[in-house]
């Protein structure tokens, strides 16, 4: 991603007619979509993934959250990329970049509270 942003800056500096803002957000959307491809396979850890207090506390919440995150990040990334390609307003791809990881982060609390209500949490 950094190499892509660097190439955009070089192209703009050399006078290539390019909308750097749109190209950059398109690259971020593509990165979010590609991240979604591998996010469902990430094991519970303190460094990578949707790391809320609830996902770290329970393995089942972690797995369910990351399976959802894989789908939502991939879908939101592709929708955002298509919005950039189709020249939709700037807020739409930006909203997709935010929504992709935010949806599973919020749902992780819901998953945790469901387990807590049923008394299935292991302390």
PDB file of N, CA and C in Angstrom:
ATOM      1  N   UNK A   1       0.827  -1.185   0.000  1.00  0.00           N
ATOM      2  CA  UNK A   1       0.000   0.000   0.000  1.00  0.00           C
ATOM      3  C   UNK A   1       0.876   1.254   0.000  1.00  0.00           C
ATOM      4  N   UNK A   2       1.944   1.223   0.789  1.00  0.00           N
ATOM      5  CA  UNK A   2       2.839   2.387   0.813  1.00  0.00           C
ATOM      6  C   UNK A   2       3.527   2.593  -0.534  1.00  0.00           C
ATOM      7  N   UNK A   3       3.896   1.498  -1.190  1.00  0.00           N
ATOM      8  CA  UNK A   3       4.505   1.614  -2.517  1.00  0.00           C
ATOM      9  C   UNK A   3       3.511   2.197  -3.512  1.00  0.00           C
ATOM     10  N   UNK A   4       2.256   1.800  -3.410  1.00  0.00           N
ATOM     11  CA  UNK A   4       1.210   2.328  -4.299  1.00  0.00           C
ATOM     12  C   UNK A   4       1.030   3.825  -4.078  1.00  0.00           C
ATOM     13  N   UNK A   5       0.951   4.269  -2.833  1.00  0.00           N
ATOM     14  CA  UNK A   5       0.815   5.696  -2.525  1.00  0.00           C
ATOM     15  C   UNK A   5       2.046   6.461  -3.016  1.00  0.00           C
ATOM     16  N   UNK A   6       3.221   5.857  -2.860  1.00  0.00           N
ATOM     17  CA  UNK A   6       4.449   6.481  -3.342  1.00  0.00           C
ATOM     18  C   UNK A   6       4.409   6.644  -4.866  1.00  0.00           C
ATOM     19  N   UNK A   7       3.954   5.621  -5.567  1.00  0.00           N
ATOM     20  CA  UNK A   7       3.844   5.709  -7.028  1.00  0.00           C
ATOM     21  C   UNK A   7       2.839   6.778  -7.443  1.00  0.00           C
ATOM     22  N   UNK A   8       1.744   6.914  -6.698  1.00  0.00           N
ATOM     23  CA  UNK A   8       0.770   7.969  -6.996  1.00  0.00           C
ATOM     24  C   UNK A   8       1.398   9.348  -6.822  1.00  0.00           C
ATOM     25  N   UNK A   9       2.153   9.520  -5.745  1.00  0.00           N
ATOM     26  CA  UNK A   9       2.805  10.812  -5.505  1.00  0.00           C
ATOM     27  C   UNK A   9       3.832  11.115  -6.590  1.00  0.00           C
ATOM     28  N   UNK A  10       4.603  10.099  -6.995  1.00  0.00           N
ATOM     29  CA  UNK A  10       5.576  10.302  -8.073  1.00  0.00           C
ATOM     30  C   UNK A  10       4.892  10.652  -9.385  1.00  0.00           C
ATOM     31  N   UNK A  11       3.812   9.958  -9.698  1.00  0.00           N
ATOM     32  CA  UNK A  11       3.088  10.235 -10.942  1.00  0.00           C
ATOM     33  C   UNK A  11       2.533  11.648 -10.938  1.00  0.00           C
ATOM     34  N   UNK A  12       1.970  12.065  -9.809  1.00  0.00           N
ATOM     35  CA  UNK A  12       1.441  13.427  -9.722  1.00  0.00           C
ATOM     36  C   UNK A  12       2.565  14.453  -9.827  1.00  0.00           C
ATOM     37  N   UNK A  13       3.715  14.149  -9.221  1.00  0.00           N
ATOM     38  CA  UNK A  13       4.860  15.059  -9.286  1.00  0.00           C
ATOM     39  C   UNK A  13       5.440  15.177 -10.687  1.00  0.00           C
ATOM     40  N   UNK A  14       5.327  14.113 -11.476  1.00  0.00           N
ATOM     41  CA  UNK A  14       5.823  14.137 -12.847  1.00  0.00           C
ATOM     42  C   UNK A  14       4.829  14.744 -13.829  1.00  0.00           C
ATOM     43  N   UNK A  15       3.679  15.158 -13.334  1.00  0.00           N
ATOM     44  CA  UNK A  15       2.718  15.845 -14.181  1.00  0.00           C
ATOM     45  C   UNK A  15       1.667  14.954 -14.820  1.00  0.00           C
ATOM     46  N   UNK A  16       1.580  13.709 -14.408  1.00  0.00           N
ATOM     47  CA  UNK A  16       0.549  12.819 -14.933  1.00  0.00           C
ATOM     48  C   UNK A  16      -0.796  13.277 -14.384  1.00  0.00           C
ATOM     49  N   UNK A  17      -1.771  13.426 -15.264  1.00  0.00           N
ATOM     50  CA  UNK A  17      -3.103  13.874 -14.857  1.00  0.00           C
ATOM     51  C   UNK A  17      -3.818  12.718 -14.153  1.00  0.00           C
ATOM     52  N   UNK A  18      -3.807  12.755 -12.840  1.00  0.00           N
ATOM     53  CA  UNK A  18      -4.422  11.699 -12.050  1.00  0.00           C
ATOM     54  C   UNK A  18      -5.070  12.324 -10.821  1.00  0.00           C
ATOM     55  N   UNK A  19      -6.249  11.831 -10.474  1.00  0.00           N
ATOM     56  CA  UNK A  19      -6.917  12.272  -9.256  1.00  0.00           C
ATOM     57  C   UNK A  19      -6.359  11.433  -8.111  1.00  0.00           C
ATOM     58  N   UNK A  20      -5.373  11.978  -7.421  1.00  0.00           N
ATOM     59  CA  UNK A  20      -4.645  11.230  -6.394  1.00  0.00           C
ATOM     60  C   UNK A  20      -5.573  10.817  -5.248  1.00  0.00           C
ATOM     61  N   UNK A  21      -6.498  11.662  -4.884  1.00  0.00           N
ATOM     62  CA  UNK A  21      -7.420  11.339  -3.796  1.00  0.00           C
ATOM     63  C   UNK A  21      -8.268  10.117  -4.110  1.00  0.00           C
ATOM     64  N   UNK A  22      -8.832  10.095  -5.310  1.00  0.00           N
ATOM     65  CA  UNK A  22      -9.656   8.953  -5.721  1.00  0.00           C
ATOM     66  C   UNK A  22      -8.806   7.692  -5.868  1.00  0.00           C
ATOM     67  N   UNK A  23      -7.633   7.838  -6.443  1.00  0.00           N
ATOM     68  CA  UNK A  23      -6.767   6.674  -6.623  1.00  0.00           C
ATOM     69  C   UNK A  23      -6.315   6.120  -5.277  1.00  0.00           C
ATOM     70  N   UNK A  24      -6.040   6.990  -4.323  1.00  0.00           N
ATOM     71  CA  UNK A  24      -5.605   6.538  -3.001  1.00  0.00           C
ATOM     72  C   UNK A  24      -6.733   5.817  -2.273  1.00  0.00           C
ATOM     73  N   UNK A  25      -7.941   6.377  -2.291  1.00  0.00           N
ATOM     74  CA  UNK A  25      -9.049   5.717  -1.600  1.00  0.00           C
ATOM     75  C   UNK A  25      -9.410   4.412  -2.312  1.00  0.00           C
ATOM     76  N   UNK A  26      -9.221   4.353  -3.628  1.00  0.00           N
ATOM     77  CA  UNK A  26      -9.422   3.097  -4.356  1.00  0.00           C
ATOM     78  C   UNK A  26      -8.427   2.033  -3.912  1.00  0.00           C
ATOM     79  N   UNK A  27      -7.192   2.436  -3.699  1.00  0.00           N
ATOM     80  CA  UNK A  27      -6.179   1.502  -3.199  1.00  0.00           C
ATOM     81  C   UNK A  27      -6.488   1.020  -1.793  1.00  0.00           C
ATOM     82  N   UNK A  28      -6.990   1.908  -0.961  1.00  0.00           N
ATOM     83  CA  UNK A  28      -7.370   1.519   0.398  1.00  0.00           C
ATOM     84  C   UNK A  28      -8.543   0.536   0.348  1.00  0.00           C
ATOM     85  N   UNK A  29      -9.510   0.797  -0.525  1.00  0.00           N
ATOM     86  CA  UNK A  29     -10.654  -0.122  -0.668  1.00  0.00           C
ATOM     87  C   UNK A  29     -10.185  -1.498  -1.136  1.00  0.00           C
ATOM     88  N   UNK A  30      -9.263  -1.528  -2.083  1.00  0.00           N
ATOM     89  CA  UNK A  30      -8.727  -2.802  -2.543  1.00  0.00           C
ATOM     90  C   UNK A  30      -7.979  -3.515  -1.413  1.00  0.00           C
ATOM     91  N   UNK A  31      -7.240  -2.771  -0.618  1.00  0.00           N
ATOM     92  CA  UNK A  31      -6.524  -3.363   0.520  1.00  0.00           C
ATOM     93  C   UNK A  31      -7.490  -3.956   1.536  1.00  0.00           C
ATOM     94  N   UNK A  32      -8.595  -3.262   1.804  1.00  0.00           N
ATOM     95  CA  UNK A  32      -9.603  -3.762   2.748  1.00  0.00           C
ATOM     96  C   UNK A  32     -10.221  -5.051   2.203  1.00  0.00           C
ATOM     97  N   UNK A  33     -10.493  -5.090   0.897  1.00  0.00           N
ATOM     98  CA  UNK A  33     -11.063  -6.302   0.292  1.00  0.00           C
ATOM     99  C   UNK A  33     -10.086  -7.469   0.383  1.00  0.00           C
ATOM    100  N   UNK A  34      -8.824  -7.214   0.112  1.00  0.00           N
ATOM    101  CA  UNK A  34      -7.817  -8.280   0.195  1.00  0.00           C
ATOM    102  C   UNK A  34      -7.605  -8.734   1.636  1.00  0.00           C
ATOM    103  N   UNK A  35      -7.678  -7.801   2.557  1.00  0.00           N
ATOM    104  CA  UNK A  35      -7.577  -8.138   3.976  1.00  0.00           C
ATOM    105  C   UNK A  35      -8.725  -9.054   4.392  1.00  0.00           C
ATOM    106  N   UNK A  36      -9.908  -8.787   3.840  1.00  0.00           N
ATOM    107  CA  UNK A  36     -11.061  -9.626   4.143  1.00  0.00           C
ATOM    108  C   UNK A  36     -10.853 -11.074   3.739  1.00  0.00           C
ATOM    109  N   UNK A  37     -10.073 -11.298   2.689  1.00  0.00           N
ATOM    110  CA  UNK A  37      -9.817 -12.660   2.239  1.00  0.00           C
ATOM    111  C   UNK A  37      -9.115 -13.502   3.293  1.00  0.00           C
ATOM    112  N   UNK A  38      -8.250 -12.914   4.081  1.00  0.00           N
ATOM    113  CA  UNK A  38      -7.474 -13.681   5.063  1.00  0.00           C
ATOM    114  C   UNK A  38      -7.950 -13.497   6.495  1.00  0.00           C
ATOM    115  N   UNK A  39      -8.817 -12.544   6.735  1.00  0.00           N
ATOM    116  CA  UNK A  39      -9.214 -12.215   8.099  1.00  0.00           C
ATOM    117  C   UNK A  39      -9.967 -13.346   8.784  1.00  0.00           C
ATOM    118  N   UNK A  40     -10.688 -14.149   8.049  1.00  0.00           N
ATOM    119  CA  UNK A  40     -11.437 -15.242   8.651  1.00  0.00           C
ATOM    120  C   UNK A  40     -10.569 -16.356   9.201  1.00  0.00           C
ATOM    121  N   UNK A  41      -9.294 -16.392   8.827  1.00  0.00           N
ATOM    122  CA  UNK A  41      -8.393 -17.465   9.260  1.00  0.00           C
ATOM    123  C   UNK A  41      -7.438 -17.046  10.371  1.00  0.00           C
ATOM    124  N   UNK A  42      -7.538 -15.803  10.825  1.00  0.00           N
ATOM    125  CA  UNK A  42      -6.629 -15.299  11.856  1.00  0.00           C
ATOM    126  C   UNK A  42      -6.999 -15.911  13.207  1.00  0.00           C
ATOM    127  N   UNK A  43      -6.019 -16.470  13.871  1.00  0.00           N
ATOM    128  CA  UNK A  43      -6.236 -17.049  15.201  1.00  0.00           C
ATOM    129  C   UNK A  43      -6.198 -15.945  16.258  1.00  0.00           C
ATOM    130  N   UNK A  44      -6.778 -16.221  17.401  1.00  0.00           N
ATOM    131  CA  UNK A  44      -6.859 -15.224  18.470  1.00  0.00           C
ATOM    132  C   UNK A  44      -5.463 -14.814  18.922  1.00  0.00           C
ATOM    133  N   UNK A  45      -5.229 -13.486  18.942  1.00  0.00           N
ATOM    134  CA  UNK A  45      -3.945 -12.935  19.355  1.00  0.00           C
ATOM    135  C   UNK A  45      -4.143 -11.488  19.780  1.00  0.00           C
ATOM    136  N   UNK A  46      -3.087 -10.851  20.236  1.00  0.00           N
ATOM    137  CA  UNK A  46      -3.173  -9.466  20.708  1.00  0.00           C
ATOM    138  C   UNK A  46      -2.672  -8.450  19.681  1.00  0.00           C
ATOM    139  N   UNK A  47      -2.342  -8.869  18.459  1.00  0.00           N
ATOM    140  CA  UNK A  47      -1.695  -7.973  17.515  1.00  0.00           C
ATOM    141  C   UNK A  47      -2.471  -7.760  16.220  1.00  0.00           C
ATOM    142  N   UNK A  48      -3.123  -8.782  15.711  1.00  0.00           N
ATOM    143  CA  UNK A  48      -3.741  -8.712  14.387  1.00  0.00           C
ATOM    144  C   UNK A  48      -5.208  -9.088  14.501  1.00  0.00           C
ATOM    145  N   UNK A  49      -6.079  -8.332  13.826  1.00  0.00           N
ATOM    146  CA  UNK A  49      -7.488  -8.680  13.775  1.00  0.00           C
ATOM    147  C   UNK A  49      -8.367  -7.651  14.455  1.00  0.00           C
ATOM    148  N   UNK A  50      -9.632  -8.026  14.639  1.00  0.00           N
ATOM    149  CA  UNK A  50     -10.588  -7.176  15.352  1.00  0.00           C
ATOM    150  C   UNK A  50     -10.355  -7.445  16.838  1.00  0.00           C
ATOM    151  N   UNK A  51      -9.609  -6.573  17.484  1.00  0.00           N
ATOM    152  CA  UNK A  51      -9.177  -6.805  18.861  1.00  0.00           C
ATOM    153  C   UNK A  51      -9.990  -5.952  19.828  1.00  0.00           C
ATOM    154  N   UNK A  52     -11.164  -6.397  20.142  1.00  0.00           N
ATOM    155  CA  UNK A  52     -11.938  -5.750  21.197  1.00  0.00           C
ATOM    156  C   UNK A  52     -11.766  -6.586  22.464  1.00  0.00           C
ATOM    157  N   UNK A  53     -12.195  -6.045  23.578  1.00  0.00           N
ATOM    158  CA  UNK A  53     -12.099  -6.787  24.830  1.00  0.00           C
ATOM    159  C   UNK A  53     -12.911  -8.079  24.753  1.00  0.00           C
ATOM    160  N   UNK A  54     -13.996  -8.048  23.987  1.00  0.00           N
ATOM    161  CA  UNK A  54     -14.882  -9.217  23.896  1.00  0.00           C
ATOM    162  C   UNK A  54     -14.295 -10.304  23.010  1.00  0.00           C
ATOM    163  N   UNK A  55     -13.634  -9.926  21.931  1.00  0.00           N
ATOM    164  CA  UNK A  55     -13.062 -10.954  21.058  1.00  0.00           C
ATOM    165  C   UNK A  55     -11.866 -11.619  21.720  1.00  0.00           C
ATOM    166  N   UNK A  56     -11.111 -10.853  22.467  1.00  0.00           N
ATOM    167  CA  UNK A  56      -9.941 -11.415  23.139  1.00  0.00           C
ATOM    168  C   UNK A  56     -10.363 -12.291  24.317  1.00  0.00           C
ATOM    169  N   UNK A  57     -11.506 -11.994  24.916  1.00  0.00           N
ATOM    170  CA  UNK A  57     -11.954 -12.730  26.097  1.00  0.00           C
ATOM    171  C   UNK A  57     -12.448 -14.139  25.781  1.00  0.00           C
ATOM    172  N   UNK A  58     -12.979 -14.365  24.580  1.00  0.00           N
ATOM    173  CA  UNK A  58     -13.580 -15.666  24.286  1.00  0.00           C
ATOM    174  C   UNK A  58     -13.239 -16.112  22.862  1.00  0.00           C
ATOM    175  N   UNK A  59     -12.797 -17.332  22.736  1.00  0.00           N
ATOM    176  CA  UNK A  59     -12.400 -17.896  21.435  1.00  0.00           C
ATOM    177  C   UNK A  59     -13.573 -17.947  20.451  1.00  0.00           C
ATOM    178  N   UNK A  60     -14.757 -18.298  20.939  1.00  0.00           N
ATOM    179  CA  UNK A  60     -15.924 -18.384  20.042  1.00  0.00           C
ATOM    180  C   UNK A  60     -16.312 -17.018  19.506  1.00  0.00           C
ATOM    181  N   UNK A  61     -16.237 -15.990  20.349  1.00  0.00           N
ATOM    182  CA  UNK A  61     -16.532 -14.628  19.904  1.00  0.00           C
ATOM    183  C   UNK A  61     -15.499 -14.202  18.863  1.00  0.00           C
ATOM    184  N   UNK A  62     -14.230 -14.525  19.105  1.00  0.00           N
ATOM    185  CA  UNK A  62     -13.168 -14.194  18.147  1.00  0.00           C
ATOM    186  C   UNK A  62     -13.457 -14.833  16.781  1.00  0.00           C
ATOM    187  N   UNK A  63     -13.739 -16.126  16.777  1.00  0.00           N
ATOM    188  CA  UNK A  63     -13.960 -16.829  15.513  1.00  0.00           C
ATOM    189  C   UNK A  63     -15.182 -16.307  14.774  1.00  0.00           C
ATOM    190  N   UNK A  64     -16.279 -16.111  15.498  1.00  0.00           N
ATOM    191  CA  UNK A  64     -17.503 -15.628  14.853  1.00  0.00           C
ATOM    192  C   UNK A  64     -17.322 -14.207  14.320  1.00  0.00           C
ATOM    193  N   UNK A  65     -16.647 -13.363  15.096  1.00  0.00           N
ATOM    194  CA  UNK A  65     -16.395 -11.983  14.681  1.00  0.00           C
ATOM    195  C   UNK A  65     -15.521 -11.946  13.432  1.00  0.00           C
ATOM    196  N   UNK A  66     -14.498 -12.769  13.382  1.00  0.00           N
ATOM    197  CA  UNK A  66     -13.578 -12.723  12.246  1.00  0.00           C
ATOM    198  C   UNK A  66     -14.149 -13.371  10.991  1.00  0.00           C
ATOM    199  N   UNK A  67     -15.039 -14.328  11.158  1.00  0.00           N
ATOM    200  CA  UNK A  67     -15.740 -14.842   9.977  1.00  0.00           C
ATOM    201  C   UNK A  67     -16.633 -13.759   9.391  1.00  0.00           C
ATOM    202  N   UNK A  68     -17.320 -12.998  10.266  1.00  0.00           N
ATOM    203  CA  UNK A  68     -18.134 -11.879   9.805  1.00  0.00           C
ATOM    204  C   UNK A  68     -17.249 -10.788   9.209  1.00  0.00           C
ATOM    205  N   UNK A  69     -16.125 -10.517   9.841  1.00  0.00           N
ATOM    206  CA  UNK A  69     -15.211  -9.481   9.353  1.00  0.00           C
ATOM    207  C   UNK A  69     -14.679  -9.815   7.966  1.00  0.00           C
ATOM    208  N   UNK A  70     -14.411 -11.081   7.720  1.00  0.00           N
ATOM    209  CA  UNK A  70     -13.917 -11.489   6.401  1.00  0.00           C
ATOM    210  C   UNK A  70     -14.938 -11.136   5.330  1.00  0.00           C
ATOM    211  N   UNK A  71     -16.194 -11.418   5.602  1.00  0.00           N
ATOM    212  CA  UNK A  71     -17.253 -11.131   4.625  1.00  0.00           C
ATOM    213  C   UNK A  71     -17.502  -9.637   4.484  1.00  0.00           C
ATOM    214  N   UNK A  72     -17.589  -8.935   5.613  1.00  0.00           N
ATOM    215  CA  UNK A  72     -17.917  -7.510   5.546  1.00  0.00           C
ATOM    216  C   UNK A  72     -16.767  -6.691   4.952  1.00  0.00           C
ATOM    217  N   UNK A  73     -15.534  -7.012   5.294  1.00  0.00           N
ATOM    218  CA  UNK A  73     -14.401  -6.269   4.729  1.00  0.00           C
ATOM    219  C   UNK A  73     -14.292  -6.510   3.225  1.00  0.00           C
ATOM    220  N   UNK A  74     -14.466  -7.761   2.815  1.00  0.00           N
ATOM    221  CA  UNK A  74     -14.391  -8.062   1.386  1.00  0.00           C
ATOM    222  C   UNK A  74     -15.498  -7.338   0.631  1.00  0.00           C
ATOM    223  N   UNK A  75     -16.732  -7.429   1.131  1.00  0.00           N
ATOM    224  CA  UNK A  75     -17.865  -6.795   0.453  1.00  0.00           C
ATOM    225  C   UNK A  75     -17.732  -5.274   0.442  1.00  0.00           C
ATOM    226  N   UNK A  76     -17.427  -4.687   1.581  1.00  0.00           N
ATOM    227  CA  UNK A  76     -17.300  -3.229   1.646  1.00  0.00           C
ATOM    228  C   UNK A  76     -16.130  -2.728   0.808  1.00  0.00           C
ATOM    229  N   UNK A  77     -15.035  -3.485   0.786  1.00  0.00           N
ATOM    230  CA  UNK A  77     -13.896  -3.099  -0.044  1.00  0.00           C
ATOM    231  C   UNK A  77     -14.242  -3.110  -1.522  1.00  0.00           C
ATOM    232  N   UNK A  78     -14.949  -4.133  -1.964  1.00  0.00           N
ATOM    233  CA  UNK A  78     -15.346  -4.186  -3.375  1.00  0.00           C
ATOM    234  C   UNK A  78     -16.362  -3.109  -3.725  1.00  0.00           C
ATOM    235  N   UNK A  79     -17.325  -2.872  -2.837  1.00  0.00           N
ATOM    236  CA  UNK A  79     -18.309  -1.808  -3.085  1.00  0.00           C
ATOM    237  C   UNK A  79     -17.601  -0.459  -3.161  1.00  0.00           C
ATOM    238  N   UNK A  80     -16.673  -0.222  -2.246  1.00  0.00           N
ATOM    239  CA  UNK A  80     -15.919   1.034  -2.269  1.00  0.00           C
ATOM    240  C   UNK A  80     -15.085   1.183  -3.529  1.00  0.00           C
ATOM    241  N   UNK A  81     -14.445   0.102  -3.962  1.00  0.00           N
ATOM    242  CA  UNK A  81     -13.646   0.140  -5.188  1.00  0.00           C
ATOM    243  C   UNK A  81     -14.528   0.418  -6.403  1.00  0.00           C
ATOM    244  N   UNK A  82     -15.680  -0.223  -6.445  1.00  0.00           N
ATOM    245  CA  UNK A  82     -16.610   0.032  -7.553  1.00  0.00           C
ATOM    246  C   UNK A  82     -17.108   1.479  -7.526  1.00  0.00           C
ATOM    247  N   UNK A  83     -17.330   2.016  -6.323  1.00  0.00           N
ATOM    248  CA  UNK A  83     -17.763   3.409  -6.197  1.00  0.00           C
ATOM    249  C   UNK A  83     -16.687   4.355  -6.726  1.00  0.00           C
ATOM    250  N   UNK A  84     -15.429   4.033  -6.467  1.00  0.00           N
ATOM    251  CA  UNK A  84     -14.335   4.868  -6.983  1.00  0.00           C
ATOM    252  C   UNK A  84     -14.290   4.779  -8.506  1.00  0.00           C
ATOM    253  N   UNK A  85     -14.396   3.572  -9.033  1.00  0.00           N
ATOM    254  CA  UNK A  85     -14.334   3.377 -10.488  1.00  0.00           C
ATOM    255  C   UNK A  85     -15.500   4.078 -11.175  1.00  0.00           C
ATOM    256  N   UNK A  86     -16.684   4.021 -10.568  1.00  0.00           N
ATOM    257  CA  UNK A  86     -17.874   4.636 -11.164  1.00  0.00           C
ATOM    258  C   UNK A  86     -18.012   6.119 -10.825  1.00  0.00           C
ATOM    259  N   UNK A  87     -17.008   6.681 -10.173  1.00  0.00           N
ATOM    260  CA  UNK A  87     -16.960   8.097  -9.817  1.00  0.00           C
ATOM    261  C   UNK A  87     -18.125   8.537  -8.931  1.00  0.00           C
ATOM    262  N   UNK A  88     -18.467   7.693  -7.982  1.00  0.00           N
ATOM    263  CA  UNK A  88     -19.489   8.045  -6.990  1.00  0.00           C
ATOM    264  C   UNK A  88     -18.929   9.141  -6.090  1.00  0.00           C
ATOM    265  N   UNK A  89     -19.784   9.808  -5.327  1.00  0.00           N
ATOM    266  CA  UNK A  89     -19.279  10.825  -4.395  1.00  0.00           C
ATOM    267  C   UNK A  89     -18.232  10.242  -3.449  1.00  0.00           C
ATOM    268  N   UNK A  90     -17.295  11.075  -3.045  1.00  0.00           N
ATOM    269  CA  UNK A  90     -16.147  10.636  -2.245  1.00  0.00           C
ATOM    270  C   UNK A  90     -16.553   9.996  -0.927  1.00  0.00           C
ATOM    271  N   UNK A  91     -17.675  10.428  -0.367  1.00  0.00           N
ATOM    272  CA  UNK A  91     -18.089   9.906   0.935  1.00  0.00           C
ATOM    273  C   UNK A  91     -18.467   8.431   0.874  1.00  0.00           C
ATOM    274  N   UNK A  92     -18.910   7.935  -0.279  1.00  0.00           N
ATOM    275  CA  UNK A  92     -19.346   6.541  -0.369  1.00  0.00           C
ATOM    276  C   UNK A  92     -18.189   5.550  -0.193  1.00  0.00           C
ATOM    277  N   UNK A  93     -17.088   5.666  -0.961  1.00  0.00           N
ATOM    278  CA  UNK A  93     -15.990   4.732  -0.691  1.00  0.00           C
ATOM    279  C   UNK A  93     -15.378   4.926   0.696  1.00  0.00           C
ATOM    280  N   UNK A  94     -15.360   6.144   1.171  1.00  0.00           N
ATOM    281  CA  UNK A  94     -14.848   6.399   2.514  1.00  0.00           C
ATOM    282  C   UNK A  94     -15.724   5.718   3.564  1.00  0.00           C
ATOM    283  N   UNK A  95     -17.033   5.768   3.385  1.00  0.00           N
ATOM    284  CA  UNK A  95     -17.957   5.092   4.295  1.00  0.00           C
ATOM    285  C   UNK A  95     -17.747   3.580   4.254  1.00  0.00           C
ATOM    286  N   UNK A  96     -17.440   3.034   3.089  1.00  0.00           N
ATOM    287  CA  UNK A  96     -17.196   1.596   2.971  1.00  0.00           C
ATOM    288  C   UNK A  96     -15.912   1.190   3.693  1.00  0.00           C
ATOM    289  N   UNK A  97     -14.895   2.035   3.622  1.00  0.00           N
ATOM    290  CA  UNK A  97     -13.633   1.763   4.325  1.00  0.00           C
ATOM    291  C   UNK A  97     -13.872   1.734   5.831  1.00  0.00           C
ATOM    292  N   UNK A  98     -14.728   2.615   6.315  1.00  0.00           N
ATOM    293  CA  UNK A  98     -15.021   2.664   7.746  1.00  0.00           C
ATOM    294  C   UNK A  98     -15.954   1.519   8.148  1.00  0.00           C
ATOM    295  N   UNK A  99     -16.957   1.231   7.328  1.00  0.00           N
ATOM    296  CA  UNK A  99     -17.974   0.223   7.675  1.00  0.00           C
ATOM    297  C   UNK A  99     -17.417  -1.194   7.666  1.00  0.00           C
ATOM    298  N   UNK A 100     -16.476  -1.495   6.772  1.00  0.00           N
ATOM    299  CA  UNK A 100     -15.946  -2.850   6.672  1.00  0.00           C
ATOM    300  C   UNK A 100     -15.474  -3.420   7.995  1.00  0.00           C
ATOM    301  N   UNK A 101     -14.571  -2.764   8.691  1.00  0.00           N
ATOM    302  CA  UNK A 101     -14.134  -3.285   9.997  1.00  0.00           C
ATOM    303  C   UNK A 101     -15.033  -2.871  11.168  1.00  0.00           C
ATOM    304  N   UNK A 102     -15.832  -1.808  11.007  1.00  0.00           N
ATOM    305  CA  UNK A 102     -16.656  -1.334  12.118  1.00  0.00           C
ATOM    306  C   UNK A 102     -17.836  -2.259  12.393  1.00  0.00           C
ATOM    307  N   UNK A 103     -18.428  -2.828  11.363  1.00  0.00           N
ATOM    308  CA  UNK A 103     -19.576  -3.731  11.540  1.00  0.00           C
ATOM    309  C   UNK A 103     -19.212  -4.920  12.423  1.00  0.00           C
ATOM    310  N   UNK A 104     -18.130  -5.664  12.128  1.00  0.00           N
ATOM    311  CA  UNK A 104     -17.807  -6.786  13.013  1.00  0.00           C
ATOM    312  C   UNK A 104     -17.342  -6.351  14.405  1.00  0.00           C
ATOM    313  N   UNK A 105     -16.742  -5.180  14.522  1.00  0.00           N
ATOM    314  CA  UNK A 105     -16.321  -4.710  15.844  1.00  0.00           C
ATOM    315  C   UNK A 105     -17.536  -4.481  16.740  1.00  0.00           C
ATOM    316  N   UNK A 106     -18.588  -3.932  16.178  1.00  0.00           N
ATOM    317  CA  UNK A 106     -19.822  -3.725  16.940  1.00  0.00           C
ATOM    318  C   UNK A 106     -20.511  -5.060  17.205  1.00  0.00           C
ATOM    319  N   UNK A 107     -20.533  -5.922  16.200  1.00  0.00           N
ATOM    320  CA  UNK A 107     -21.178  -7.233  16.364  1.00  0.00           C
ATOM    321  C   UNK A 107     -20.460  -8.112  17.374  1.00  0.00           C
ATOM    322  N   UNK A 108     -19.171  -7.875  17.592  1.00  0.00           N
ATOM    323  CA  UNK A 108     -18.450  -8.681  18.581  1.00  0.00           C
ATOM    324  C   UNK A 108     -19.063  -8.508  19.965  1.00  0.00           C
ATOM    325  N   UNK A 109     -19.522  -7.307  20.281  1.00  0.00           N
ATOM    326  CA  UNK A 109     -20.191  -7.075  21.563  1.00  0.00           C
ATOM    327  C   UNK A 109     -21.506  -7.847  21.621  1.00  0.00           C
ATOM    328  N   UNK A 110     -22.242  -7.847  20.521  1.00  0.00           N
ATOM    329  CA  UNK A 110     -23.517  -8.581  20.480  1.00  0.00           C
ATOM    330  C   UNK A 110     -23.272 -10.071  20.683  1.00  0.00           C
ATOM    331  N   UNK A 111     -22.259 -10.626  19.999  1.00  0.00           N
ATOM    332  CA  UNK A 111     -21.935 -12.046  20.161  1.00  0.00           C
ATOM    333  C   UNK A 111     -21.574 -12.362  21.618  1.00  0.00           C
ATOM    334  N   UNK A 112     -20.767 -11.491  22.209  1.00  0.00           N
ATOM    335  CA  UNK A 112     -20.334 -11.689  23.592  1.00  0.00           C
ATOM    336  C   UNK A 112     -21.522 -11.648  24.549  1.00  0.00           C
ATOM    337  N   UNK A 113     -22.398 -10.663  24.372  1.00  0.00           N
ATOM    338  CA  UNK A 113     -23.555 -10.522  25.254  1.00  0.00           C
ATOM    339  C   UNK A 113     -24.512 -11.706  25.105  1.00  0.00           C
ATOM    340  N   UNK A 114     -24.624 -12.282  23.913  1.00  0.00           N
ATOM    341  CA  UNK A 114     -25.451 -13.474  23.734  1.00  0.00           C
ATOM    342  C   UNK A 114     -24.906 -14.635  24.551  1.00  0.00           C
ATOM    343  N   UNK A 115     -23.595 -14.832  24.490  1.00  0.00           N
ATOM    344  CA  UNK A 115     -22.980 -15.901  25.283  1.00  0.00           C
ATOM    345  C   UNK A 115     -23.124 -15.620  26.778  1.00  0.00           C
ATOM    346  N   UNK A 116     -22.985 -14.367  27.163  1.00  0.00           N
ATOM    347  CA  UNK A 116     -23.093 -13.999  28.568  1.00  0.00           C
ATOM    348  C   UNK A 116     -24.510 -14.243  29.097  1.00  0.00           C
ATOM    349  N   UNK A 117     -25.515 -13.882  28.308  1.00  0.00           N
ATOM    350  CA  UNK A 117     -26.904 -14.106  28.702  1.00  0.00           C
ATOM    351  C   UNK A 117     -27.230 -15.579  28.874  1.00  0.00           C
ATOM    352  N   UNK A 118     -26.655 -16.417  28.017  1.00  0.00           N
ATOM    353  CA  UNK A 118     -26.902 -17.866  28.092  1.00  0.00           C
ATOM    354  C   UNK A 118     -26.027 -18.537  29.148  1.00  0.00           C
ATOM    355  N   UNK A 119     -25.094 -17.795  29.732  1.00  0.00           N
ATOM    356  CA  UNK A 119     -24.206 -18.348  30.750  1.00  0.00           C
ATOM    357  C   UNK A 119     -23.165 -19.283  30.197  1.00  0.00           C
ATOM    358  N   UNK A 120     -22.751 -19.072  28.952  1.00  0.00           N
ATOM    359  CA  UNK A 120     -21.789 -19.958  28.299  1.00  0.00           C
ATOM    360  C   UNK A 120     -20.360 -19.414  28.282  1.00  0.00           C
ATOM    361  N   UNK A 121     -20.130 -18.309  28.957  1.00  0.00           N
ATOM    362  CA  UNK A 121     -18.771 -17.754  28.978  1.00  0.00           C
ATOM    363  C   UNK A 121     -17.911 -18.515  29.968  1.00  0.00           C
ATOM    364  N   UNK A 122     -16.681 -18.759  29.562  1.00  0.00           N
ATOM    365  CA  UNK A 122     -15.718 -19.428  30.426  1.00  0.00           C
ATOM    366  C   UNK A 122     -14.824 -18.362  31.024  1.00  0.00           C
ATOM    367  N   UNK A 123     -14.787 -18.278  32.355  1.00  0.00           N
ATOM    368  CA  UNK A 123     -13.973 -17.244  33.006  1.00  0.00           C
ATOM    369  C   UNK A 123     -12.579 -17.709  33.256  1.00  0.00           C
TER     370      UNK A 123
END
